[in-house]
């Protein structure tokens, strides 16, 4: 069923004039690359992983350190 949905999405993308999209799960390397990019972007705006975790847990960013 997943393969059928991926084929349907590919057909829809083709009909919409979009470039090919990857609908498969990320590889470990892709996941690591995305995590590194997100960490760099977050660092530029003053966020860290601990700040994000604390914020998600409902703590204030100041107390997260």
Protein backbone atom coordinates (compact mmCIF):
# COMPACT_ATOMS: atom_id res chain seq x y z
CA UNK A 1 0.00 0.00 0.00
CA UNK A 2 2.88 2.38 0.76
CA UNK A 3 4.33 1.77 -2.70
CA UNK A 4 0.95 2.51 -4.27
CA UNK A 5 0.75 5.81 -2.38
CA UNK A 6 4.28 6.73 -3.41
CA UNK A 7 3.40 6.01 -7.04
CA UNK A 8 0.26 8.13 -6.73
CA UNK A 9 2.26 11.00 -5.24
CA UNK A 10 4.82 10.73 -8.05
CA UNK A 11 2.03 10.87 -10.63
CA UNK A 12 0.50 13.90 -8.92
CA UNK A 13 3.89 15.63 -8.81
CA UNK A 14 4.42 14.90 -12.50
CA UNK A 15 1.01 16.29 -13.43
CA UNK A 16 1.64 19.37 -11.28
CA UNK A 17 4.92 20.06 -13.05
CA UNK A 18 6.99 19.51 -9.92
CA UNK A 19 10.42 17.96 -9.89
CA UNK A 20 10.80 14.43 -8.61
CA UNK A 21 10.27 14.15 -4.88
CA UNK A 22 11.70 11.50 -2.59
CA UNK A 23 9.01 9.91 -0.46
CA UNK A 24 11.13 7.16 1.05
CA UNK A 25 12.34 7.23 4.64
CA UNK A 26 15.55 9.14 5.29
CA UNK A 27 18.78 7.18 5.48
CA UNK A 28 20.90 7.49 8.62
CA UNK A 29 23.30 9.74 6.70
CA UNK A 30 20.47 12.01 5.49
CA UNK A 31 19.07 12.20 9.01
CA UNK A 32 22.50 13.13 10.42
CA UNK A 33 22.97 15.81 7.75
CA UNK A 34 19.55 17.31 8.47
CA UNK A 35 20.25 17.29 12.21
CA UNK A 36 23.58 19.08 11.66
CA UNK A 37 21.93 21.70 9.43
CA UNK A 38 19.16 22.26 11.97
CA UNK A 39 21.68 22.58 14.81
CA UNK A 40 23.73 25.15 12.82
CA UNK A 41 20.62 27.15 11.95
CA UNK A 42 19.40 27.03 15.54
CA UNK A 43 22.80 28.12 16.86
CA UNK A 44 22.70 31.20 14.62
CA UNK A 45 19.45 32.24 16.29
CA UNK A 46 20.65 31.46 19.82
CA UNK A 47 18.88 28.14 20.21
CA UNK A 48 20.47 24.91 21.34
CA UNK A 49 19.09 21.41 21.54
CA UNK A 50 18.70 21.81 25.34
CA UNK A 51 16.79 25.08 24.84
CA UNK A 52 14.46 23.41 22.39
CA UNK A 53 13.88 20.43 24.68
CA UNK A 54 13.21 22.71 27.65
CA UNK A 55 10.82 24.83 25.59
CA UNK A 56 8.98 21.73 24.43
CA UNK A 57 8.73 20.64 28.07
CA UNK A 58 7.17 23.98 29.00
CA UNK A 59 10.17 25.49 30.79
CA UNK A 60 11.32 29.02 30.09
CA UNK A 61 14.23 29.44 27.69
CA UNK A 62 16.16 31.41 30.32
CA UNK A 63 16.13 28.54 32.80
CA UNK A 64 17.22 26.08 30.10
CA UNK A 65 20.71 27.63 29.99
